[in-house]
Each structure stands twice: as C-alpha cells, then as structure tokens.
Amino acid sequence: MKYMMFVCTDTEPERDESTVPDIDVWVAENDASGRRVAGNELVAPSSATTVRVRGGELLLSDGPFAETKEVVVGFDILECADLDEAIAVAAAHPMAYGGRIELRPFREF
C-alpha cells in the first residue's frame, strides 16, 4: 500500500540531538528496501504560489494558503505492507524527532 509521508516542522522539537537518526542513513536504507518510492525537500513556504479559480477567474497569491507555525518541508512516498510498517518507517525519520510526520494512504481506485 502506498502512503504519502508529509515531513513537517514543529514548534516543540526534540532537544537531545544525539538521539536523532541520520537522514542519509534513513534514505539509503529505505531506498534499498524499496519502501521509499520518491521523496524530496521543499523550498521555503514564501516561494509558494496559491492557485484558485473562482467564478471562472484565475486567482494567484504569493505564499502559502494558510498561515501556520508548522510547515511542510518535504515529502516521501512510501510503499509498505500496512500502516504498522509505514509508522515504523516514519518513526525512524529524523524529523519525527525535530518535527512531525503525517502519513496518509493513497486512495485506491
């Protein structure tokens, strides 16, 4: 089953950096196992463009749609047997310690 893993900042990060896993090791292990299908970091939210169409008119605005303290800073697409495996993969990600990880399964059509 495929999961979208949103990697987000947090207002309450882990304070003990010595317990945080290395991102290069996480990527290498999950790429090698085939659990990580794709992933990348995102540039700052200030570079975002919000696109809407209202009444047939294209409306563009700079920056993110919502102002929040937490920001999506990256993503990974995971291929896991089930939610338990996806949770284990997410829990081993460094941003689980200094940020937040959100997992969402892809809708099956």
N, C-alpha and C. Protein backbone atom coordinates (compact mmCIF):
# COMPACT_ATOMS: atom_id res chain seq x y z
N MET A 1 0.84 -1.17 0.00
CA MET A 1 0.00 0.00 0.00
C MET A 1 0.90 1.24 0.00
N LYS A 2 0.50 2.24 -0.78
CA LYS A 2 1.29 3.48 -0.86
C LYS A 2 0.79 4.49 0.16
N TYR A 3 1.75 5.19 0.79
CA TYR A 3 1.47 6.24 1.76
C TYR A 3 2.22 7.51 1.36
N MET A 4 1.56 8.64 1.50
CA MET A 4 2.24 9.93 1.38
C MET A 4 2.70 10.28 2.79
N MET A 5 3.96 10.59 2.92
CA MET A 5 4.52 10.98 4.21
C MET A 5 4.90 12.45 4.13
N PHE A 6 4.14 13.28 4.81
CA PHE A 6 4.45 14.71 4.86
C PHE A 6 5.42 14.94 6.00
N VAL A 7 6.53 15.62 5.71
CA VAL A 7 7.54 15.93 6.71
C VAL A 7 7.35 17.39 7.09
N CYS A 8 7.06 17.64 8.37
CA CYS A 8 6.69 18.98 8.81
C CYS A 8 7.59 19.47 9.95
N THR A 9 7.72 20.79 10.04
CA THR A 9 8.42 21.38 11.18
C THR A 9 7.51 21.29 12.39
N ASP A 10 8.04 21.63 13.54
CA ASP A 10 7.27 21.58 14.77
C ASP A 10 7.70 22.72 15.68
N THR A 11 6.80 23.15 16.52
CA THR A 11 7.13 24.21 17.47
C THR A 11 7.81 23.65 18.72
N GLU A 12 7.81 22.31 18.89
CA GLU A 12 8.42 21.68 20.05
C GLU A 12 9.36 20.55 19.63
N PRO A 13 10.53 20.89 19.04
CA PRO A 13 11.43 19.84 18.56
C PRO A 13 12.14 19.12 19.71
N GLU A 14 12.66 17.94 19.39
CA GLU A 14 13.48 17.17 20.33
C GLU A 14 14.69 18.01 20.70
N ARG A 15 15.03 18.03 21.94
CA ARG A 15 16.16 18.86 22.40
C ARG A 15 17.48 18.10 22.40
N ASP A 16 17.45 16.78 22.50
CA ASP A 16 18.67 15.99 22.55
C ASP A 16 19.01 15.51 21.14
N GLU A 17 19.86 16.26 20.45
CA GLU A 17 20.22 15.95 19.06
C GLU A 17 20.97 14.62 18.92
N SER A 18 21.55 14.11 20.01
CA SER A 18 22.33 12.87 19.92
C SER A 18 21.44 11.66 19.64
N THR A 19 20.14 11.76 19.88
CA THR A 19 19.23 10.64 19.66
C THR A 19 18.59 10.67 18.27
N VAL A 20 18.85 11.73 17.51
CA VAL A 20 18.21 11.89 16.20
C VAL A 20 18.96 11.06 15.16
N PRO A 21 18.24 10.21 14.41
CA PRO A 21 18.88 9.40 13.37
C PRO A 21 19.44 10.27 12.24
N ASP A 22 20.37 9.72 11.49
CA ASP A 22 20.98 10.41 10.36
C ASP A 22 20.07 10.27 9.14
N ILE A 23 19.75 11.38 8.48
CA ILE A 23 18.84 11.36 7.33
C ILE A 23 19.42 10.56 6.16
N ASP A 24 20.73 10.65 5.95
CA ASP A 24 21.33 9.91 4.83
C ASP A 24 21.20 8.40 5.02
N VAL A 25 21.32 7.94 6.26
CA VAL A 25 21.16 6.52 6.56
C VAL A 25 19.70 6.11 6.35
N TRP A 26 18.75 6.95 6.82
CA TRP A 26 17.32 6.66 6.64
C TRP A 26 16.98 6.53 5.16
N VAL A 27 17.45 7.49 4.35
CA VAL A 27 17.16 7.47 2.91
C VAL A 27 17.78 6.23 2.28
N ALA A 28 19.03 5.95 2.56
CA ALA A 28 19.72 4.80 1.95
C ALA A 28 19.02 3.48 2.30
N GLU A 29 18.66 3.30 3.57
CA GLU A 29 18.01 2.05 3.99
C GLU A 29 16.64 1.88 3.33
N ASN A 30 15.86 2.95 3.27
CA ASN A 30 14.51 2.84 2.72
C ASN A 30 14.50 2.81 1.21
N ASP A 31 15.48 3.43 0.56
CA ASP A 31 15.63 3.29 -0.89
C ASP A 31 16.03 1.86 -1.25
N ALA A 32 16.99 1.31 -0.50
CA ALA A 32 17.49 -0.03 -0.78
C ALA A 32 16.40 -1.09 -0.60
N SER A 33 15.52 -0.88 0.38
CA SER A 33 14.46 -1.86 0.65
C SER A 33 13.26 -1.71 -0.29
N GLY A 34 13.21 -0.59 -1.02
CA GLY A 34 12.08 -0.33 -1.90
C GLY A 34 10.90 0.31 -1.20
N ARG A 35 11.03 0.61 0.09
CA ARG A 35 9.92 1.24 0.83
C ARG A 35 9.76 2.71 0.46
N ARG A 36 10.84 3.38 0.08
CA ARG A 36 10.78 4.79 -0.31
C ARG A 36 10.73 4.84 -1.83
N VAL A 37 9.58 5.24 -2.36
CA VAL A 37 9.37 5.30 -3.80
C VAL A 37 9.93 6.60 -4.36
N ALA A 38 9.72 7.70 -3.65
CA ALA A 38 10.19 9.02 -4.06
C ALA A 38 10.18 9.93 -2.85
N GLY A 39 10.91 11.02 -2.94
CA GLY A 39 10.91 11.99 -1.85
C GLY A 39 11.81 13.15 -2.17
N ASN A 40 11.54 14.27 -1.51
CA ASN A 40 12.37 15.45 -1.72
C ASN A 40 12.05 16.49 -0.66
N GLU A 41 12.99 17.41 -0.49
CA GLU A 41 12.76 18.57 0.36
C GLU A 41 12.04 19.63 -0.46
N LEU A 42 11.33 20.51 0.22
CA LEU A 42 10.65 21.62 -0.44
C LEU A 42 11.35 22.92 -0.05
N VAL A 43 11.31 23.91 -0.93
CA VAL A 43 11.87 25.22 -0.59
C VAL A 43 10.92 25.93 0.37
N ALA A 44 11.33 27.07 0.87
CA ALA A 44 10.57 27.81 1.89
C ALA A 44 9.15 28.13 1.44
N PRO A 45 8.20 28.16 2.38
CA PRO A 45 6.81 28.48 2.04
C PRO A 45 6.66 29.84 1.36
N SER A 46 7.58 30.75 1.60
CA SER A 46 7.50 32.07 0.98
C SER A 46 7.59 31.99 -0.55
N SER A 47 8.09 30.86 -1.08
CA SER A 47 8.19 30.71 -2.53
C SER A 47 6.93 30.08 -3.14
N ALA A 48 5.96 29.75 -2.29
CA ALA A 48 4.75 29.09 -2.78
C ALA A 48 3.86 30.04 -3.58
N THR A 49 3.11 29.48 -4.47
CA THR A 49 2.07 30.20 -5.20
C THR A 49 0.77 29.43 -4.98
N THR A 50 -0.25 30.12 -4.49
CA THR A 50 -1.55 29.50 -4.28
C THR A 50 -2.42 29.79 -5.50
N VAL A 51 -3.01 28.74 -6.06
CA VAL A 51 -3.82 28.85 -7.29
C VAL A 51 -5.27 28.52 -6.95
N ARG A 52 -6.16 29.42 -7.33
CA ARG A 52 -7.61 29.19 -7.16
C ARG A 52 -8.33 29.70 -8.40
N VAL A 53 -9.47 29.09 -8.70
CA VAL A 53 -10.35 29.59 -9.76
C VAL A 53 -11.70 29.83 -9.11
N ARG A 54 -12.18 31.07 -9.19
CA ARG A 54 -13.47 31.45 -8.61
C ARG A 54 -14.25 32.24 -9.64
N GLY A 55 -15.46 31.79 -9.93
CA GLY A 55 -16.28 32.48 -10.92
C GLY A 55 -15.61 32.55 -12.28
N GLY A 56 -14.83 31.51 -12.62
CA GLY A 56 -14.15 31.48 -13.90
C GLY A 56 -12.89 32.34 -13.95
N GLU A 57 -12.54 32.99 -12.86
CA GLU A 57 -11.36 33.86 -12.83
C GLU A 57 -10.21 33.17 -12.09
N LEU A 58 -9.03 33.22 -12.69
CA LEU A 58 -7.83 32.66 -12.08
C LEU A 58 -7.31 33.63 -11.04
N LEU A 59 -7.17 33.16 -9.80
CA LEU A 59 -6.65 33.98 -8.71
C LEU A 59 -5.35 33.38 -8.21
N LEU A 60 -4.30 34.15 -8.24
CA LEU A 60 -2.99 33.72 -7.76
C LEU A 60 -2.59 34.57 -6.57
N SER A 61 -1.98 33.93 -5.58
CA SER A 61 -1.44 34.70 -4.46
C SER A 61 -0.09 34.11 -4.07
N ASP A 62 0.80 34.98 -3.65
CA ASP A 62 2.13 34.55 -3.22
C ASP A 62 2.04 33.94 -1.83
N GLY A 63 2.87 32.94 -1.61
CA GLY A 63 2.94 32.33 -0.29
C GLY A 63 1.90 31.25 -0.11
N PRO A 64 1.95 30.60 1.05
CA PRO A 64 1.02 29.51 1.32
C PRO A 64 -0.39 30.03 1.56
N PHE A 65 -1.37 29.13 1.40
CA PHE A 65 -2.77 29.49 1.58
C PHE A 65 -3.05 29.84 3.04
N ALA A 66 -2.48 29.06 3.97
CA ALA A 66 -2.75 29.27 5.39
C ALA A 66 -1.48 29.69 6.12
N GLU A 67 -1.63 30.54 7.11
CA GLU A 67 -0.51 30.92 7.97
C GLU A 67 -0.50 29.98 9.18
N THR A 68 0.55 29.19 9.32
CA THR A 68 0.67 28.29 10.45
C THR A 68 2.10 28.30 10.94
N LYS A 69 2.31 27.79 12.15
CA LYS A 69 3.66 27.67 12.68
C LYS A 69 4.34 26.42 12.14
N GLU A 70 3.54 25.37 11.88
CA GLU A 70 4.10 24.16 11.29
C GLU A 70 4.07 24.28 9.77
N VAL A 71 5.13 23.83 9.12
CA VAL A 71 5.26 23.97 7.68
C VAL A 71 5.68 22.62 7.10
N VAL A 72 5.09 22.24 5.97
CA VAL A 72 5.54 21.04 5.25
C VAL A 72 6.87 21.39 4.60
N VAL A 73 7.93 20.67 4.97
CA VAL A 73 9.26 20.95 4.46
C VAL A 73 9.75 19.89 3.47
N GLY A 74 8.99 18.80 3.36
CA GLY A 74 9.37 17.75 2.43
C GLY A 74 8.32 16.66 2.39
N PHE A 75 8.57 15.65 1.57
CA PHE A 75 7.62 14.55 1.44
C PHE A 75 8.37 13.30 1.01
N ASP A 76 7.76 12.18 1.29
CA ASP A 76 8.23 10.90 0.78
C ASP A 76 7.00 10.09 0.43
N ILE A 77 7.08 9.32 -0.63
CA ILE A 77 6.04 8.36 -0.97
C ILE A 77 6.58 6.99 -0.57
N LEU A 78 5.84 6.32 0.28
CA LEU A 78 6.27 5.03 0.81
C LEU A 78 5.42 3.91 0.22
N GLU A 79 6.03 2.76 0.04
CA GLU A 79 5.33 1.53 -0.35
C GLU A 79 5.55 0.56 0.79
N CYS A 80 4.50 0.34 1.58
CA CYS A 80 4.61 -0.50 2.77
C CYS A 80 3.50 -1.55 2.77
N ALA A 81 3.73 -2.62 3.50
CA ALA A 81 2.74 -3.70 3.57
C ALA A 81 1.46 -3.23 4.26
N ASP A 82 1.61 -2.36 5.26
CA ASP A 82 0.45 -1.90 6.01
C ASP A 82 0.82 -0.64 6.80
N LEU A 83 -0.14 -0.12 7.54
CA LEU A 83 0.08 1.10 8.31
C LEU A 83 1.16 0.90 9.38
N ASP A 84 1.21 -0.26 9.99
CA ASP A 84 2.24 -0.51 11.01
C ASP A 84 3.65 -0.35 10.45
N GLU A 85 3.87 -0.87 9.25
CA GLU A 85 5.19 -0.72 8.63
C GLU A 85 5.45 0.74 8.29
N ALA A 86 4.44 1.46 7.78
CA ALA A 86 4.61 2.88 7.46
C ALA A 86 4.92 3.69 8.72
N ILE A 87 4.29 3.35 9.82
CA ILE A 87 4.56 4.04 11.09
C ILE A 87 6.00 3.78 11.53
N ALA A 88 6.48 2.55 11.40
CA ALA A 88 7.87 2.23 11.77
C ALA A 88 8.85 3.02 10.92
N VAL A 89 8.58 3.13 9.62
CA VAL A 89 9.45 3.90 8.73
C VAL A 89 9.43 5.38 9.13
N ALA A 90 8.25 5.92 9.39
CA ALA A 90 8.13 7.33 9.77
C ALA A 90 8.78 7.61 11.11
N ALA A 91 8.65 6.70 12.05
CA ALA A 91 9.22 6.90 13.38
C ALA A 91 10.74 6.91 13.36
N ALA A 92 11.34 6.30 12.35
CA ALA A 92 12.81 6.27 12.21
C ALA A 92 13.34 7.49 11.48
N HIS A 93 12.46 8.33 10.92
CA HIS A 93 12.88 9.52 10.19
C HIS A 93 13.34 10.60 11.18
N PRO A 94 14.44 11.30 10.90
CA PRO A 94 14.93 12.34 11.82
C PRO A 94 13.91 13.41 12.16
N MET A 95 13.03 13.77 11.24
CA MET A 95 12.05 14.82 11.54
C MET A 95 10.95 14.35 12.47
N ALA A 96 10.86 13.05 12.76
CA ALA A 96 9.94 12.58 13.79
C ALA A 96 10.42 13.08 15.15
N TYR A 97 11.71 13.38 15.25
CA TYR A 97 12.31 13.88 16.49
C TYR A 97 12.27 15.40 16.57
N GLY A 98 12.48 16.07 15.45
CA GLY A 98 12.55 17.53 15.45
C GLY A 98 11.39 18.19 14.75
N GLY A 99 10.42 17.41 14.31
CA GLY A 99 9.28 17.94 13.60
C GLY A 99 8.09 17.03 13.78
N ARG A 100 7.33 16.88 12.73
CA ARG A 100 6.16 16.00 12.74
C ARG A 100 6.08 15.27 11.42
N ILE A 101 5.60 14.06 11.47
CA ILE A 101 5.40 13.27 10.26
C ILE A 101 3.91 12.94 10.17
N GLU A 102 3.33 13.21 9.01
CA GLU A 102 1.93 12.84 8.78
C GLU A 102 1.89 11.79 7.69
N LEU A 103 1.22 10.69 7.95
CA LEU A 103 1.06 9.62 6.98
C LEU A 103 -0.37 9.61 6.48
N ARG A 104 -0.50 9.49 5.15
CA ARG A 104 -1.84 9.35 4.55
C ARG A 104 -1.78 8.30 3.46
N PRO A 105 -2.68 7.33 3.50
CA PRO A 105 -2.70 6.33 2.42
C PRO A 105 -3.26 6.96 1.16
N PHE A 106 -2.78 6.48 0.03
CA PHE A 106 -3.36 6.89 -1.25
C PHE A 106 -4.71 6.20 -1.41
N ARG A 107 -5.65 6.89 -2.00
CA ARG A 107 -6.97 6.32 -2.26
C ARG A 107 -6.83 5.27 -3.37
N GLU A 108 -7.42 4.13 -3.16
CA GLU A 108 -7.42 3.07 -4.15
C GLU A 108 -8.62 3.25 -5.07
N PHE A 109 -8.39 3.32 -6.39
CA PHE A 109 -9.48 3.45 -7.36
C PHE A 109 -9.66 2.15 -8.10
